[in-house]
Structure formats: structure tokens, C-alpha cells
Amino acid sequence: MLHRLSGNQALEAASGHNSAMTAVNKFGRNSAIAIGEEEVIWDGSTTGYPFPATALITSMSQTADQATLNGATIEVQGLDANWDLVVQTAVLGTPSTTVVTLTTPLIRVFRAKVLADVVSLSPIRIHNAGETVDYAIISVGQNQTLMAVYTVPADKTAYMTCYYAHVNPGTNLDPTSNPIRLWASDRTGPYAAQVKNVVGQISGGFQHFFDPYYKFTEKTDIYITATPVGKAADVSAGFDLILVND
């Protein structure tokens, strides 16, 4: 495993000056986790995240037409059928509810954002061709996905420096306990998802540091879940990675 980077090395990873090393920050929020349900921290607020077996992530549309976003550019980050990193752009249709096709079909998507000076008033969804499964959602007003979900690209190794979570305050959103779990699933094995760390959070927030860093190999899905007890919960969570070329 990679031991802790010095300040200069960490800055080098974040700056992009070293082509063999990249910093990745993933952060998400699930504002409506049901009592006793273990849900993934992402905009979809589901008990499981729908990782596809093939490159089914092909399309994009907005739930309700927003004239000011007609023709707006959306950046989509994910992995292609070969598990290679792809950063592409797609243009919303007119109306924006029109299903448009991504240039490159994806087997994973882990970030999308609006490249326009307009605030989204309706969810923008990255989905399959039939519009039956959402894989990424830009929620109203956020202009970027909030998903504590990531997949290590092919020919890369990811080293996790830390992960974190916070129970956000709100009416009837104060669980008596709230286990936070860090999960990983190695798709080269293949292996079912495995818990890599768990914190029995009660309230407030925490940040767990790995020293040495935790190692994740190529094609490994990484995500965070929360399971509120007693009351529903609004949870923010995320993690930091150093991505290194193999």
C-alpha cells in the first residue's frame, strides 16, 4: 500500500503536473434515507446502486422541460465498455425532455455537471436507452451530481486517503444510530460487494483516515451507504482517492 504523501506530493497529485498520479474527490448526499433502510449515498436515494454489466448508459434527458436549458451542454464522466476513463459532453435537446444519445456508451458513470450559467429546475438524468434506469442524476438546483460512488478505471490503482460522512440536521431527521459503511466490489474477480470499513455514527460527522492508504485495484466499484435507526436521515458522505497508473 502507498504510505501517506508529503505535502508537496499531495499538491502534485491535485495539480495534475504528474501525469501518472491524479487526485479524485467523490462526494454525495442522500436527503431522504428511510428508517431501517441501507441506502447508497447518491441522488437516486435507493437501497442499491444499479451497476450495469455492460455499457448500457447511453442517454440523457431532463425530467421536465426547462427552456433556459434547451441546448445546454452537460459534461459526463465515466468508463467506456473497456473500463477506460471517458470525459464527454452532450447537449440537451429542445425540449430538454428529449432523449439524446451520448457519443460514447458507458459501463459506469460517476459524475455529471451543467456547463451553462443556468440553474437546473428539474432533474437531469443519465440513463439507458429505454429511460427505465437512472445511473446519475443532477438534482434540482445542484448543477452537479452528488454521488459517493466511483469505479477505478482500467490500468489504474486507487489509494483511498480518507472517507467521511455527516448526518444533516432537519425535522424528524435525527436517527438514534446510523451505521456508515464503505463498500467495494472487485469486478475482475468477480466478487460480491464487501464492507471495507464501518463507523457506528450517532449524530454529527466523522472523517476516517487510512494510513497507509487503502488500495483498490482496477474495475473496483466503491460506494458508501447509511442505515438510520429510529428516524429517517439526511446524510452527506464522500471519499478522497489518489489514482495511480499501473
C-alpha atoms as a PDB file:
ATOM      1  CA  MET A   1       0.000   0.000   0.000  1.00  0.00           C
ATOM      2  CA  LEU A   2       1.026   3.600  -0.580  1.00  0.00           C
ATOM      3  CA  HIS A   3       2.103   5.402   2.589  1.00  0.00           C
ATOM      4  CA  ARG A   4       0.986   8.965   3.289  1.00  0.00           C
ATOM      5  CA  LEU A   5       2.060  11.518   0.700  1.00  0.00           C
ATOM      6  CA  SER A   6       4.057  14.565   1.728  1.00  0.00           C
ATOM      7  CA  GLY A   7       2.502  17.996   1.275  1.00  0.00           C
ATOM      8  CA  ASN A   8       4.383  18.543  -1.976  1.00  0.00           C
ATOM      9  CA  GLN A   9       3.371  15.126  -3.345  1.00  0.00           C
ATOM     10  CA  ALA A  10      -0.281  15.725  -2.468  1.00  0.00           C
ATOM     11  CA  LEU A  11      -0.166  19.098  -4.233  1.00  0.00           C
ATOM     12  CA  GLU A  12       1.461  17.446  -7.256  1.00  0.00           C
ATOM     13  CA  ALA A  13      -1.358  14.868  -7.426  1.00  0.00           C
ATOM     14  CA  ALA A  14      -4.030  17.565  -7.205  1.00  0.00           C
ATOM     15  CA  SER A  15      -2.355  19.915  -9.704  1.00  0.00           C
ATOM     16  CA  GLY A  16      -2.141  17.341 -12.484  1.00  0.00           C
ATOM     17  CA  HIS A  17       1.538  18.100 -13.117  1.00  0.00           C
ATOM     18  CA  ASN A  18       2.377  14.430 -12.609  1.00  0.00           C
ATOM     19  CA  SER A  19       0.611  12.522 -15.415  1.00  0.00           C
ATOM     20  CA  ALA A  20       0.968   9.225 -13.514  1.00  0.00           C
ATOM     21  CA  MET A  21      -0.965  10.443 -10.473  1.00  0.00           C
ATOM     22  CA  THR A  22      -4.422  12.044 -10.176  1.00  0.00           C
ATOM     23  CA  ALA A  23      -6.481  13.266  -7.230  1.00  0.00           C
ATOM     24  CA  VAL A  24     -10.152  12.228  -7.111  1.00  0.00           C
ATOM     25  CA  ASN A  25     -12.716  13.649  -4.686  1.00  0.00           C
ATOM     26  CA  LYS A  26     -16.131  11.979  -4.619  1.00  0.00           C
ATOM     27  CA  PHE A  27     -18.931  13.445  -2.560  1.00  0.00           C
ATOM     28  CA  GLY A  28     -22.639  12.768  -2.345  1.00  0.00           C
ATOM     29  CA  ARG A  29     -25.865  13.322  -0.460  1.00  0.00           C
ATOM     30  CA  ASN A  30     -28.985  11.269   0.149  1.00  0.00           C
ATOM     31  CA  SER A  31     -31.526  13.574   1.774  1.00  0.00           C
ATOM     32  CA  ALA A  32     -34.273  11.007   2.323  1.00  0.00           C
ATOM     33  CA  ILE A  33     -32.986   7.708   3.735  1.00  0.00           C
ATOM     34  CA  ALA A  34     -35.890   5.688   5.125  1.00  0.00           C
ATOM     35  CA  ILE A  35     -35.874   4.304   8.670  1.00  0.00           C
ATOM     36  CA  GLY A  36     -34.015   0.992   8.828  1.00  0.00           C
ATOM     37  CA  GLU A  37     -33.096   1.011   5.128  1.00  0.00           C
ATOM     38  CA  GLU A  38     -29.491   0.782   3.980  1.00  0.00           C
ATOM     39  CA  GLU A  39     -29.261   3.254   1.120  1.00  0.00           C
ATOM     40  CA  VAL A  40     -26.414   4.349  -1.140  1.00  0.00           C
ATOM     41  CA  ILE A  41     -25.361   7.983  -0.807  1.00  0.00           C
ATOM     42  CA  TRP A  42     -26.342   9.362  -4.205  1.00  0.00           C
ATOM     43  CA  ASP A  43     -29.079  11.471  -5.800  1.00  0.00           C
ATOM     44  CA  GLY A  44     -31.160   8.389  -6.595  1.00  0.00           C
ATOM     45  CA  SER A  45     -31.851   7.577  -2.905  1.00  0.00           C
ATOM     46  CA  THR A  46     -32.039   3.800  -3.417  1.00  0.00           C
ATOM     47  CA  THR A  47     -31.197   0.719  -1.349  1.00  0.00           C
ATOM     48  CA  GLY A  48     -28.762  -0.368  -4.051  1.00  0.00           C
ATOM     49  CA  TYR A  49     -26.971   1.323  -6.908  1.00  0.00           C
ATOM     50  CA  PRO A  50     -27.680  -0.145 -10.385  1.00  0.00           C
ATOM     51  CA  PHE A  51     -24.204  -1.073 -11.633  1.00  0.00           C
ATOM     52  CA  PRO A  52     -24.749  -2.401 -15.198  1.00  0.00           C
ATOM     53  CA  ALA A  53     -22.916  -5.471 -16.520  1.00  0.00           C
ATOM     54  CA  THR A  54     -22.423  -3.908 -19.967  1.00  0.00           C
ATOM     55  CA  ALA A  55     -22.268  -0.404 -21.451  1.00  0.00           C
ATOM     56  CA  LEU A  56     -25.989   0.365 -21.079  1.00  0.00           C
ATOM     57  CA  ILE A  57     -25.502   4.001 -20.042  1.00  0.00           C
ATOM     58  CA  THR A  58     -26.264   5.615 -23.379  1.00  0.00           C
ATOM     59  CA  SER A  59     -28.678   8.514 -22.981  1.00  0.00           C
ATOM     60  CA  MET A  60     -29.598  11.747 -21.216  1.00  0.00           C
ATOM     61  CA  SER A  61     -32.693  13.896 -20.696  1.00  0.00           C
ATOM     62  CA  GLN A  62     -34.333  16.328 -18.281  1.00  0.00           C
ATOM     63  CA  THR A  63     -37.457  15.248 -16.391  1.00  0.00           C
ATOM     64  CA  ALA A  64     -39.426  18.427 -17.196  1.00  0.00           C
ATOM     65  CA  ASP A  65     -38.674  20.849 -19.993  1.00  0.00           C
ATOM     66  CA  GLN A  66     -36.682  23.921 -18.988  1.00  0.00           C
ATOM     67  CA  ALA A  67     -36.454  26.372 -21.865  1.00  0.00           C
ATOM     68  CA  THR A  68     -33.343  28.067 -20.471  1.00  0.00           C
ATOM     69  CA  LEU A  69     -31.509  24.727 -20.599  1.00  0.00           C
ATOM     70  CA  ASN A  70     -32.573  23.790 -24.123  1.00  0.00           C
ATOM     71  CA  GLY A  71     -29.314  23.157 -25.993  1.00  0.00           C
ATOM     72  CA  ALA A  72     -27.204  23.406 -22.825  1.00  0.00           C
ATOM     73  CA  THR A  73     -24.018  21.354 -22.568  1.00  0.00           C
ATOM     74  CA  ILE A  74     -23.680  18.660 -19.904  1.00  0.00           C
ATOM     75  CA  GLU A  75     -20.326  17.084 -19.009  1.00  0.00           C
ATOM     76  CA  VAL A  76     -20.473  13.347 -18.260  1.00  0.00           C
ATOM     77  CA  GLN A  77     -17.602  11.451 -16.618  1.00  0.00           C
ATOM     78  CA  GLY A  78     -17.461   7.661 -16.579  1.00  0.00           C
ATOM     79  CA  LEU A  79     -15.949   4.498 -18.051  1.00  0.00           C
ATOM     80  CA  ASP A  80     -16.483   3.036 -21.514  1.00  0.00           C
ATOM     81  CA  ALA A  81     -17.032  -0.622 -22.395  1.00  0.00           C
ATOM     82  CA  ASN A  82     -13.295  -1.263 -21.896  1.00  0.00           C
ATOM     83  CA  TRP A  83     -13.411   0.384 -18.443  1.00  0.00           C
ATOM     84  CA  ASP A  84     -11.307   3.296 -19.714  1.00  0.00           C
ATOM     85  CA  LEU A  85     -11.961   6.804 -18.395  1.00  0.00           C
ATOM     86  CA  VAL A  86     -14.108   8.955 -20.689  1.00  0.00           C
ATOM     87  CA  VAL A  87     -15.000  12.605 -20.183  1.00  0.00           C
ATOM     88  CA  GLN A  88     -17.549  13.623 -22.793  1.00  0.00           C
ATOM     89  CA  THR A  89     -20.129  16.322 -23.348  1.00  0.00           C
ATOM     90  CA  ALA A  90     -23.715  16.032 -24.557  1.00  0.00           C
ATOM     91  CA  VAL A  91     -26.224  18.723 -25.462  1.00  0.00           C
ATOM     92  CA  LEU A  92     -29.730  18.739 -24.012  1.00  0.00           C
ATOM     93  CA  GLY A  93     -32.456  18.671 -26.632  1.00  0.00           C
ATOM     94  CA  THR A  94     -35.244  21.098 -27.454  1.00  0.00           C
ATOM     95  CA  PRO A  95     -37.338  20.447 -25.454  1.00  0.00           C
ATOM     96  CA  SER A  96     -34.861  19.291 -22.811  1.00  0.00           C
ATOM     97  CA  THR A  97     -37.055  16.245 -22.113  1.00  0.00           C
ATOM     98  CA  THR A  98     -35.916  14.826 -25.471  1.00  0.00           C
ATOM     99  CA  VAL A  99     -33.773  11.724 -25.010  1.00  0.00           C
ATOM    100  CA  VAL A 100     -30.345  12.422 -26.515  1.00  0.00           C
ATOM    101  CA  THR A 101     -27.630   9.839 -27.113  1.00  0.00           C
ATOM    102  CA  LEU A 102     -24.156  10.033 -25.605  1.00  0.00           C
ATOM    103  CA  THR A 103     -21.262   9.851 -28.069  1.00  0.00           C
ATOM    104  CA  THR A 104     -19.661   7.011 -26.093  1.00  0.00           C
ATOM    105  CA  PRO A 105     -21.814   4.376 -24.326  1.00  0.00           C
ATOM    106  CA  LEU A 106     -20.692   3.855 -20.728  1.00  0.00           C
ATOM    107  CA  ILE A 107     -20.492   0.916 -18.362  1.00  0.00           C
ATOM    108  CA  ARG A 108     -20.079   3.340 -15.429  1.00  0.00           C
ATOM    109  CA  VAL A 109     -20.898   6.984 -14.755  1.00  0.00           C
ATOM    110  CA  PHE A 110     -19.766   8.750 -11.602  1.00  0.00           C
ATOM    111  CA  ARG A 111     -20.104  12.471 -12.264  1.00  0.00           C
ATOM    112  CA  ALA A 112     -22.127  14.839 -14.441  1.00  0.00           C
ATOM    113  CA  LYS A 113     -22.376  18.619 -14.353  1.00  0.00           C
ATOM    114  CA  VAL A 114     -24.087  21.510 -16.141  1.00  0.00           C
ATOM    115  CA  LEU A 115     -21.726  23.627 -18.260  1.00  0.00           C
ATOM    116  CA  ALA A 116     -24.106  26.577 -18.502  1.00  0.00           C
ATOM    117  CA  ASP A 117     -24.814  29.656 -16.375  1.00  0.00           C
ATOM    118  CA  VAL A 118     -28.332  28.418 -15.659  1.00  0.00           C
ATOM    119  CA  VAL A 119     -29.658  26.728 -12.504  1.00  0.00           C
ATOM    120  CA  SER A 120     -31.489  23.458 -13.197  1.00  0.00           C
ATOM    121  CA  LEU A 121     -35.151  23.495 -12.163  1.00  0.00           C
ATOM    122  CA  SER A 122     -35.808  19.842 -12.959  1.00  0.00           C
ATOM    123  CA  PRO A 123     -33.612  16.719 -12.578  1.00  0.00           C
ATOM    124  CA  ILE A 124     -31.224  15.934 -15.437  1.00  0.00           C
ATOM    125  CA  ARG A 125     -30.784  12.172 -15.724  1.00  0.00           C
ATOM    126  CA  ILE A 126     -28.165   9.921 -17.331  1.00  0.00           C
ATOM    127  CA  HIS A 127     -29.938   6.660 -18.171  1.00  0.00           C
ATOM    128  CA  ASN A 128     -30.340   3.699 -20.508  1.00  0.00           C
ATOM    129  CA  ALA A 129     -31.860   3.959 -23.973  1.00  0.00           C
ATOM    130  CA  GLY A 130     -35.306   2.974 -22.746  1.00  0.00           C
ATOM    131  CA  GLU A 131     -35.185   5.591 -19.973  1.00  0.00           C
ATOM    132  CA  THR A 132     -36.065   2.915 -17.404  1.00  0.00           C
ATOM    133  CA  VAL A 133     -32.921   3.027 -15.226  1.00  0.00           C
ATOM    134  CA  ASP A 134     -31.159   6.177 -13.981  1.00  0.00           C
ATOM    135  CA  TYR A 135     -27.419   5.865 -13.345  1.00  0.00           C
ATOM    136  CA  ALA A 136     -26.675   9.506 -12.492  1.00  0.00           C
ATOM    137  CA  ILE A 137     -28.973  12.384 -11.587  1.00  0.00           C
ATOM    138  CA  ILE A 138     -28.261  16.101 -11.403  1.00  0.00           C
ATOM    139  CA  SER A 139     -30.786  17.115  -8.752  1.00  0.00           C
ATOM    140  CA  VAL A 140     -32.736  20.378  -8.827  1.00  0.00           C
ATOM    141  CA  GLY A 141     -30.555  23.395  -8.085  1.00  0.00           C
ATOM    142  CA  GLN A 142     -27.299  21.449  -7.666  1.00  0.00           C
ATOM    143  CA  ASN A 143     -25.957  21.600 -11.258  1.00  0.00           C
ATOM    144  CA  GLN A 144     -23.750  18.580 -10.475  1.00  0.00           C
ATOM    145  CA  THR A 145     -24.349  15.021  -9.368  1.00  0.00           C
ATOM    146  CA  LEU A 146     -23.970  14.247  -5.664  1.00  0.00           C
ATOM    147  CA  MET A 147     -22.862  10.619  -5.606  1.00  0.00           C
ATOM    148  CA  ALA A 148     -20.432   8.910  -3.245  1.00  0.00           C
ATOM    149  CA  VAL A 149     -19.880   6.306  -5.952  1.00  0.00           C
ATOM    150  CA  TYR A 150     -16.771   5.673  -8.042  1.00  0.00           C
ATOM    151  CA  THR A 151     -15.213   2.912 -10.146  1.00  0.00           C
ATOM    152  CA  VAL A 152     -11.457   2.546 -10.626  1.00  0.00           C
ATOM    153  CA  PRO A 153     -10.623   2.750 -14.354  1.00  0.00           C
ATOM    154  CA  ALA A 154      -8.738   0.001 -16.203  1.00  0.00           C
ATOM    155  CA  ASP A 155      -4.957   0.021 -15.715  1.00  0.00           C
ATOM    156  CA  LYS A 156      -5.244   2.225 -12.626  1.00  0.00           C
ATOM    157  CA  THR A 157      -4.911   1.660  -8.890  1.00  0.00           C
ATOM    158  CA  ALA A 158      -6.762   3.868  -6.423  1.00  0.00           C
ATOM    159  CA  TYR A 159      -5.468   4.632  -2.942  1.00  0.00           C
ATOM    160  CA  MET A 160      -8.085   5.963  -0.535  1.00  0.00           C
ATOM    161  CA  THR A 161      -6.727   8.572   1.855  1.00  0.00           C
ATOM    162  CA  CYS A 162      -9.958   9.020   3.818  1.00  0.00           C
ATOM    163  CA  TYR A 163     -13.731   8.808   3.783  1.00  0.00           C
ATOM    164  CA  TYR A 164     -16.285  10.823   5.702  1.00  0.00           C
ATOM    165  CA  ALA A 165     -19.980  11.269   6.438  1.00  0.00           C
ATOM    166  CA  HIS A 166     -22.303  13.706   8.194  1.00  0.00           C
ATOM    167  CA  VAL A 167     -25.900  13.465   9.389  1.00  0.00           C
ATOM    168  CA  ASN A 168     -27.520  16.724   8.260  1.00  0.00           C
ATOM    169  CA  PRO A 169     -29.962  18.256  10.772  1.00  0.00           C
ATOM    170  CA  GLY A 170     -33.646  18.609   9.955  1.00  0.00           C
ATOM    171  CA  THR A 171     -37.173  17.921  11.145  1.00  0.00           C
ATOM    172  CA  ASN A 172     -37.611  14.228  12.029  1.00  0.00           C
ATOM    173  CA  LEU A 173     -34.074  13.578  10.755  1.00  0.00           C
ATOM    174  CA  ASP A 174     -32.236  12.577  13.932  1.00  0.00           C
ATOM    175  CA  PRO A 175     -31.667   8.797  13.988  1.00  0.00           C
ATOM    176  CA  THR A 176     -30.685   7.085  17.252  1.00  0.00           C
ATOM    177  CA  SER A 177     -27.861   5.411  15.328  1.00  0.00           C
ATOM    178  CA  ASN A 178     -26.685   5.457  11.746  1.00  0.00           C
ATOM    179  CA  PRO A 179     -24.050   2.913  10.653  1.00  0.00           C
ATOM    180  CA  ILE A 180     -21.964   4.243   7.757  1.00  0.00           C
ATOM    181  CA  ARG A 181     -20.407   1.536   5.580  1.00  0.00           C
ATOM    182  CA  LEU A 182     -17.677   1.780   2.968  1.00  0.00           C
ATOM    183  CA  TRP A 183     -18.222  -0.875   0.299  1.00  0.00           C
ATOM    184  CA  ALA A 184     -16.132  -2.203  -2.592  1.00  0.00           C
ATOM    185  CA  SER A 185     -16.822  -4.762  -5.312  1.00  0.00           C
ATOM    186  CA  ASP A 186     -13.964  -6.065  -7.461  1.00  0.00           C
ATOM    187  CA  ARG A 187     -15.428  -6.763 -10.912  1.00  0.00           C
ATOM    188  CA  THR A 188     -12.293  -8.580 -12.122  1.00  0.00           C
ATOM    189  CA  GLY A 189     -12.836 -11.351  -9.517  1.00  0.00           C
ATOM    190  CA  PRO A 190     -15.686 -11.117  -9.709  1.00  0.00           C
ATOM    191  CA  TYR A 191     -16.633 -10.700  -6.072  1.00  0.00           C
ATOM    192  CA  ALA A 192     -19.810  -9.600  -4.368  1.00  0.00           C
ATOM    193  CA  ALA A 193     -19.595  -6.281  -2.548  1.00  0.00           C
ATOM    194  CA  GLN A 194     -17.517  -6.353   0.629  1.00  0.00           C
ATOM    195  CA  VAL A 195     -17.575  -3.982   3.607  1.00  0.00           C
ATOM    196  CA  LYS A 196     -14.156  -2.322   3.923  1.00  0.00           C
ATOM    197  CA  ASN A 197     -14.887  -0.104   6.927  1.00  0.00           C
ATOM    198  CA  VAL A 198     -17.859   0.770   9.141  1.00  0.00           C
ATOM    199  CA  VAL A 199     -18.481   3.567  11.630  1.00  0.00           C
ATOM    200  CA  GLY A 200     -21.470   3.414  14.002  1.00  0.00           C
ATOM    201  CA  GLN A 201     -22.320   7.075  13.652  1.00  0.00           C
ATOM    202  CA  ILE A 202     -24.890   8.577  16.064  1.00  0.00           C
ATOM    203  CA  SER A 203     -25.025  12.245  15.049  1.00  0.00           C
ATOM    204  CA  GLY A 204     -22.858  14.948  13.540  1.00  0.00           C
ATOM    205  CA  GLY A 205     -19.989  13.870  11.323  1.00  0.00           C
ATOM    206  CA  PHE A 206     -16.696  11.997  11.166  1.00  0.00           C
ATOM    207  CA  GLN A 207     -13.661  11.620   8.924  1.00  0.00           C
ATOM    208  CA  HIS A 208     -11.726   8.342   8.880  1.00  0.00           C
ATOM    209  CA  PHE A 209      -8.122   8.462   7.641  1.00  0.00           C
ATOM    210  CA  PHE A 210      -6.255   5.459   6.252  1.00  0.00           C
ATOM    211  CA  ASP A 211      -2.525   5.238   6.972  1.00  0.00           C
ATOM    212  CA  PRO A 212      -1.228   3.520   4.934  1.00  0.00           C
ATOM    213  CA  TYR A 213      -3.818   4.332   2.307  1.00  0.00           C
ATOM    214  CA  TYR A 214      -6.392   1.676   1.402  1.00  0.00           C
ATOM    215  CA  LYS A 215      -5.708   0.082  -2.001  1.00  0.00           C
ATOM    216  CA  PHE A 216      -8.372  -0.586  -4.642  1.00  0.00           C
ATOM    217  CA  THR A 217      -7.463  -2.272  -7.937  1.00  0.00           C
ATOM    218  CA  GLU A 218      -8.846  -1.629 -11.422  1.00  0.00           C
ATOM    219  CA  LYS A 219     -12.558  -2.152 -12.130  1.00  0.00           C
ATOM    220  CA  THR A 220     -13.479  -1.947  -8.444  1.00  0.00           C
ATOM    221  CA  ASP A 221     -16.748  -0.223  -7.570  1.00  0.00           C
ATOM    222  CA  ILE A 222     -16.542   1.907  -4.413  1.00  0.00           C
ATOM    223  CA  TYR A 223     -19.538   3.412  -2.616  1.00  0.00           C
ATOM    224  CA  ILE A 224     -20.883   4.479   0.786  1.00  0.00           C
ATOM    225  CA  THR A 225     -24.168   3.545   2.464  1.00  0.00           C
ATOM    226  CA  ALA A 226     -26.051   4.695   5.567  1.00  0.00           C
ATOM    227  CA  THR A 227     -28.672   2.855   7.659  1.00  0.00           C
ATOM    228  CA  PRO A 228     -30.602   5.178  10.010  1.00  0.00           C
ATOM    229  CA  VAL A 229     -32.295   3.653  13.073  1.00  0.00           C
ATOM    230  CA  GLY A 230     -35.261   5.265  14.836  1.00  0.00           C
ATOM    231  CA  LYS A 231     -35.802   8.098  12.352  1.00  0.00           C
ATOM    232  CA  ALA A 232     -35.136   8.858   8.717  1.00  0.00           C
ATOM    233  CA  ALA A 233     -31.893  10.646   7.862  1.00  0.00           C
ATOM    234  CA  ASP A 234     -30.326  13.156   5.517  1.00  0.00           C
ATOM    235  CA  VAL A 235     -26.693  12.076   5.024  1.00  0.00           C
ATOM    236  CA  SER A 236     -23.769  13.590   3.176  1.00  0.00           C
ATOM    237  CA  ALA A 237     -20.682  11.438   2.545  1.00  0.00           C
ATOM    238  CA  GLY A 238     -17.627  11.113   0.350  1.00  0.00           C
ATOM    239  CA  PHE A 239     -14.048   9.968  -0.050  1.00  0.00           C
ATOM    240  CA  ASP A 240     -10.686  11.044  -1.427  1.00  0.00           C
ATOM    241  CA  LEU A 241      -8.522   8.932  -3.729  1.00  0.00           C
ATOM    242  CA  ILE A 242      -5.085   9.120  -5.303  1.00  0.00           C
ATOM    243  CA  LEU A 243      -5.312   7.447  -8.721  1.00  0.00           C
ATOM    244  CA  VAL A 244      -2.012   5.969  -9.970  1.00  0.00           C
ATOM    245  CA  ASN A 245      -1.163   4.455 -13.367  1.00  0.00           C
ATOM    246  CA  ASP A 246      -0.351   0.728 -13.200  1.00  0.00           C
END
